[in-house]
Amino acid sequence: MADARNDERLAGRLVAVAALGLVLIVPPLLAQFDRTDRVFGVPVLWAYLYIVWAVVIGLVAVIGGRSR
């Protein structure tokens, strides 16, 4: 019984991370970062996308690490 409940929580958390990742890369939000400015020599849009990518992967790793 507890395993089923933990699996549901894990699935719910992973769905929430996927939804967050999707919301962070929708075109209206990406348009806010589409500038000619640079951060450490990298265009702002690319920096934003890599940061979002790293955060989503980090969250999945933390959630997956706690699951077992």
N, C-alpha and C. Protein backbone atom coordinates (compact mmCIF):
# COMPACT_ATOMS: atom_id res chain seq x y z
N MET A 1 0.81 -1.20 0.00
CA MET A 1 0.00 0.00 0.00
C MET A 1 0.86 1.27 0.00
N ALA A 2 1.91 1.26 0.82
CA ALA A 2 2.77 2.43 0.89
C ALA A 2 3.56 2.61 -0.41
N ASP A 3 3.93 1.50 -1.06
CA ASP A 3 4.66 1.59 -2.32
C ASP A 3 3.81 2.23 -3.40
N ALA A 4 2.53 1.89 -3.45
CA ALA A 4 1.64 2.47 -4.45
C ALA A 4 1.49 3.97 -4.22
N ARG A 5 1.40 4.36 -2.96
CA ARG A 5 1.26 5.78 -2.63
C ARG A 5 2.54 6.53 -2.99
N ASN A 6 3.70 5.94 -2.72
CA ASN A 6 4.96 6.58 -3.07
C ASN A 6 5.13 6.69 -4.58
N ASP A 7 4.69 5.66 -5.31
CA ASP A 7 4.76 5.71 -6.77
C ASP A 7 3.87 6.82 -7.32
N GLU A 8 2.70 7.01 -6.72
CA GLU A 8 1.80 8.08 -7.15
C GLU A 8 2.42 9.44 -6.88
N ARG A 9 3.04 9.59 -5.71
CA ARG A 9 3.70 10.87 -5.40
C ARG A 9 4.85 11.14 -6.36
N LEU A 10 5.65 10.10 -6.64
CA LEU A 10 6.76 10.25 -7.57
C LEU A 10 6.26 10.65 -8.94
N ALA A 11 5.23 9.97 -9.41
CA ALA A 11 4.67 10.30 -10.72
C ALA A 11 4.12 11.72 -10.74
N GLY A 12 3.46 12.13 -9.69
CA GLY A 12 2.92 13.48 -9.60
C GLY A 12 4.01 14.54 -9.62
N ARG A 13 5.09 14.26 -8.92
CA ARG A 13 6.19 15.22 -8.89
C ARG A 13 6.88 15.32 -10.25
N LEU A 14 7.04 14.18 -10.90
CA LEU A 14 7.67 14.20 -12.22
C LEU A 14 6.78 14.91 -13.24
N VAL A 15 5.48 14.74 -13.13
CA VAL A 15 4.56 15.45 -14.02
C VAL A 15 4.64 16.95 -13.75
N ALA A 16 4.76 17.33 -12.49
CA ALA A 16 4.87 18.75 -12.15
C ALA A 16 6.16 19.35 -12.73
N VAL A 17 7.27 18.61 -12.66
CA VAL A 17 8.53 19.10 -13.22
C VAL A 17 8.41 19.22 -14.74
N ALA A 18 7.77 18.25 -15.38
CA ALA A 18 7.58 18.31 -16.83
C ALA A 18 6.72 19.52 -17.21
N ALA A 19 5.67 19.76 -16.43
CA ALA A 19 4.81 20.91 -16.70
C ALA A 19 5.58 22.22 -16.51
N LEU A 20 6.40 22.28 -15.47
CA LEU A 20 7.21 23.47 -15.24
C LEU A 20 8.17 23.70 -16.40
N GLY A 21 8.81 22.63 -16.85
CA GLY A 21 9.72 22.75 -17.99
C GLY A 21 9.01 23.24 -19.24
N LEU A 22 7.81 22.73 -19.46
CA LEU A 22 7.04 23.15 -20.62
C LEU A 22 6.65 24.62 -20.52
N VAL A 23 6.22 25.04 -19.36
CA VAL A 23 5.82 26.44 -19.17
C VAL A 23 7.01 27.38 -19.37
N LEU A 24 8.19 26.94 -18.94
CA LEU A 24 9.37 27.79 -19.05
C LEU A 24 9.91 27.93 -20.46
N ILE A 25 9.45 27.07 -21.38
CA ILE A 25 9.95 27.18 -22.76
C ILE A 25 8.86 27.49 -23.78
N VAL A 26 7.71 27.97 -23.33
CA VAL A 26 6.68 28.37 -24.29
C VAL A 26 7.14 29.65 -24.99
N PRO A 27 6.77 29.80 -26.25
CA PRO A 27 7.25 30.95 -27.03
C PRO A 27 7.00 32.33 -26.42
N PRO A 28 5.86 32.62 -25.78
CA PRO A 28 5.72 33.98 -25.22
C PRO A 28 6.76 34.28 -24.15
N LEU A 29 7.13 33.29 -23.36
CA LEU A 29 8.15 33.53 -22.34
C LEU A 29 9.54 33.59 -22.97
N LEU A 30 9.79 32.77 -23.96
CA LEU A 30 11.09 32.81 -24.65
C LEU A 30 11.31 34.15 -25.33
N ALA A 31 10.24 34.77 -25.80
CA ALA A 31 10.36 36.06 -26.47
C ALA A 31 10.92 37.13 -25.52
N GLN A 32 10.72 36.96 -24.23
CA GLN A 32 11.25 37.92 -23.26
C GLN A 32 12.78 37.88 -23.20
N PHE A 33 13.35 36.76 -23.58
CA PHE A 33 14.79 36.58 -23.49
C PHE A 33 15.49 36.67 -24.85
N ASP A 34 14.74 36.93 -25.90
CA ASP A 34 15.31 37.01 -27.24
C ASP A 34 15.83 38.43 -27.48
N ARG A 35 17.05 38.65 -27.00
CA ARG A 35 17.68 39.97 -27.09
C ARG A 35 19.07 39.83 -27.69
N THR A 36 19.63 40.95 -28.04
CA THR A 36 20.99 40.93 -28.58
C THR A 36 22.04 40.98 -27.47
N ASP A 37 21.61 41.17 -26.23
CA ASP A 37 22.55 41.21 -25.10
C ASP A 37 23.23 39.86 -24.92
N ARG A 38 24.35 39.89 -24.22
CA ARG A 38 25.10 38.65 -23.97
C ARG A 38 25.42 38.53 -22.49
N VAL A 39 25.44 37.30 -22.02
CA VAL A 39 25.82 36.98 -20.65
C VAL A 39 27.07 36.11 -20.73
N PHE A 40 28.20 36.63 -20.29
CA PHE A 40 29.48 35.93 -20.40
C PHE A 40 29.77 35.51 -21.84
N GLY A 41 29.38 36.33 -22.78
CA GLY A 41 29.64 36.06 -24.19
C GLY A 41 28.62 35.15 -24.86
N VAL A 42 27.61 34.73 -24.13
CA VAL A 42 26.57 33.83 -24.66
C VAL A 42 25.28 34.64 -24.80
N PRO A 43 24.57 34.50 -25.92
CA PRO A 43 23.30 35.22 -26.05
C PRO A 43 22.35 34.87 -24.90
N VAL A 44 21.56 35.85 -24.49
CA VAL A 44 20.67 35.70 -23.34
C VAL A 44 19.70 34.52 -23.54
N LEU A 45 19.17 34.36 -24.73
CA LEU A 45 18.22 33.27 -24.99
C LEU A 45 18.88 31.92 -24.77
N TRP A 46 20.08 31.75 -25.27
CA TRP A 46 20.79 30.47 -25.10
C TRP A 46 21.10 30.23 -23.63
N ALA A 47 21.52 31.26 -22.92
CA ALA A 47 21.81 31.11 -21.49
C ALA A 47 20.55 30.69 -20.74
N TYR A 48 19.43 31.33 -21.06
CA TYR A 48 18.17 30.99 -20.41
C TYR A 48 17.79 29.54 -20.68
N LEU A 49 17.89 29.11 -21.94
CA LEU A 49 17.52 27.74 -22.28
C LEU A 49 18.40 26.73 -21.56
N TYR A 50 19.70 26.98 -21.49
CA TYR A 50 20.59 26.05 -20.79
C TYR A 50 20.31 26.03 -19.29
N ILE A 51 20.01 27.17 -18.71
CA ILE A 51 19.68 27.22 -17.29
C ILE A 51 18.40 26.45 -17.01
N VAL A 52 17.37 26.65 -17.84
CA VAL A 52 16.12 25.90 -17.66
C VAL A 52 16.37 24.42 -17.81
N TRP A 53 17.14 24.03 -18.80
CA TRP A 53 17.47 22.63 -19.03
C TRP A 53 18.17 22.03 -17.80
N ALA A 54 19.15 22.74 -17.27
CA ALA A 54 19.90 22.26 -16.11
C ALA A 54 19.01 22.16 -14.87
N VAL A 55 18.13 23.13 -14.68
CA VAL A 55 17.23 23.11 -13.52
C VAL A 55 16.28 21.93 -13.61
N VAL A 56 15.70 21.69 -14.79
CA VAL A 56 14.77 20.57 -14.94
C VAL A 56 15.50 19.24 -14.70
N ILE A 57 16.69 19.08 -15.24
CA ILE A 57 17.45 17.85 -15.02
C ILE A 57 17.81 17.71 -13.54
N GLY A 58 18.19 18.80 -12.91
CA GLY A 58 18.50 18.76 -11.48
C GLY A 58 17.31 18.37 -10.63
N LEU A 59 16.15 18.92 -10.95
CA LEU A 59 14.94 18.56 -10.21
C LEU A 59 14.58 17.09 -10.39
N VAL A 60 14.71 16.59 -11.61
CA VAL A 60 14.43 15.17 -11.84
C VAL A 60 15.42 14.31 -11.08
N ALA A 61 16.69 14.72 -11.02
CA ALA A 61 17.69 13.95 -10.27
C ALA A 61 17.39 13.94 -8.78
N VAL A 62 16.99 15.08 -8.24
CA VAL A 62 16.66 15.16 -6.82
C VAL A 62 15.43 14.31 -6.51
N ILE A 63 14.43 14.42 -7.33
CA ILE A 63 13.21 13.63 -7.11
C ILE A 63 13.50 12.14 -7.26
N GLY A 64 14.27 11.78 -8.27
CA GLY A 64 14.61 10.37 -8.48
C GLY A 64 15.49 9.82 -7.38
N GLY A 65 16.38 10.65 -6.86
CA GLY A 65 17.25 10.23 -5.78
C GLY A 65 16.53 9.98 -4.47
N ARG A 66 15.50 10.72 -4.23
CA ARG A 66 14.71 10.54 -3.01
C ARG A 66 13.74 9.38 -3.09
N SER A 67 13.47 8.91 -4.29
CA SER A 67 12.42 7.90 -4.45
C SER A 67 12.81 6.53 -3.94
N ARG A 68 14.10 6.23 -3.88
CA ARG A 68 14.51 4.88 -3.45
C ARG A 68 15.30 4.93 -2.19
